[in-house]
Structure formats: C-alpha cells, structure tokens
Amino acid sequence: MSYSQNGEDKIILELVKDIEKGTILDIGAYDGTVNSNSRALIEKGWRGVLVEPSPWAFAEAAKLHANNPNVTLVNAAIGTERRMVKFYEAAGTQYSSTSEKSKARWVNEKLDWREYWVSQIKVSDLINEVGASADVLSIDCEGTSVDILMNCPLSTWAPKVVIVEHDMKCESIAAWMRARDYGIRDLSGENCVFVKL
C-alpha cells in the first residue's frame, strides 16, 4: 500500500533499503496518512519528526501516533525566518498554505477558508532543538516548499533522500540540488525525488 501522492514512498523505501532504522523529517505532514511520505517508513520502525501548522491536521496526526515513542510532532509552520504568520486553510480539504499567492490558486473552488496565526520556525530550529537531522527529508508546503528547501543546510546536513513539492520550478531546484551533490531520481506533476550522489 502506498500513502504518498504519487507512490513516492515506494521509491523512498527502495532508496533507503540499506538503512534499517533511520529518521524522516516530514515538513507539511498533514494528518500523517493522506499523501504521506513518512507513514510507510514509520510503519517499518523508523523515527519520524512530523511538522504541521494546521490545528485540525496536527490533532489527527497526534491521535494517529499517540502511542508511538518514535514519532515527534511539531505544531508549527516552517519558513525562512522566525515570526508569526497567517495560515490559510480550506475546511474539509487538504488545501492550506502560509502563502497568500498559493491560496489564490484555489479561489475558483468556492472553499470555506479559515485563517489562523501560527508560529513559524526555520529548519535549523528543528535540527538544533528537536534533533531533526534525517536520512529522508520531505517538504510539502504549498507555495513555500522551494524556499524552505533552499534554506536547508544540505552542505553540512545531508539526507540520503529529499522529496520536495516543486511548484513547477523543477529546473532551478535540480540545479540547486546538483550543486549539493544530489541527482534527480523521480519527477511527478507535484514532487521531485532527489538522492545523494
């Protein structure tokens, strides 16, 4: 069974088959199940650090992993600076973002939007405070994934596999990743999967 949006978890499992019990950092983990790049690894005994700003989705992930000491949950947004940010969430859907521009993409959907103020932290905060260095990094943050990726310290902290929602910026992401010794392994309509060379 695949939990990922386009079967990325099957690719990840193949790429990390030599790692018995690793760690996945899942930024934009949603409820821990729907379109999840982390759940299949967690089910194999991996440690997971799941980051999600949505109050509803975070509560669902907390219920799902309530009895799993290998899962650390962080209820925050991730960005390029520490500050309070407005978080937009369409009730009853997966559409959510800290990006007004990303929210505007769904304006014709007639969705019931809710707005919250949430704390935003940086990836370096996760690494320093939560110990979130990882073998696999997944970033799915509607409209801000690329900025988050490009603020990750990949030259000093090198996950074996990186999955990022590309926001139609595949070429610039691939060039940035190549400079950090990552090659593209898979590309879908939403996500790029990179592997450390």
Foldseek 3Di string as FASTA:
>chain_A
DAQAPVRVLVVVCVLCVVPQAWEEEAAQQFQVGHNHSCNVNVVSVYAYEYEEQDPVSLVNNCVVCVPPPSYHYHHFHEALAWDKAKKKDFPPDSDIASDPVLVVVCVVVPTDIDIDIGTYDAVVCCCVPVVRQTLEYEFDHRPGQLRNVVNDPCLVRPHQKYKTFCPPVVVVSQVVVVVSQWHWDDDDPTMTMIGHD
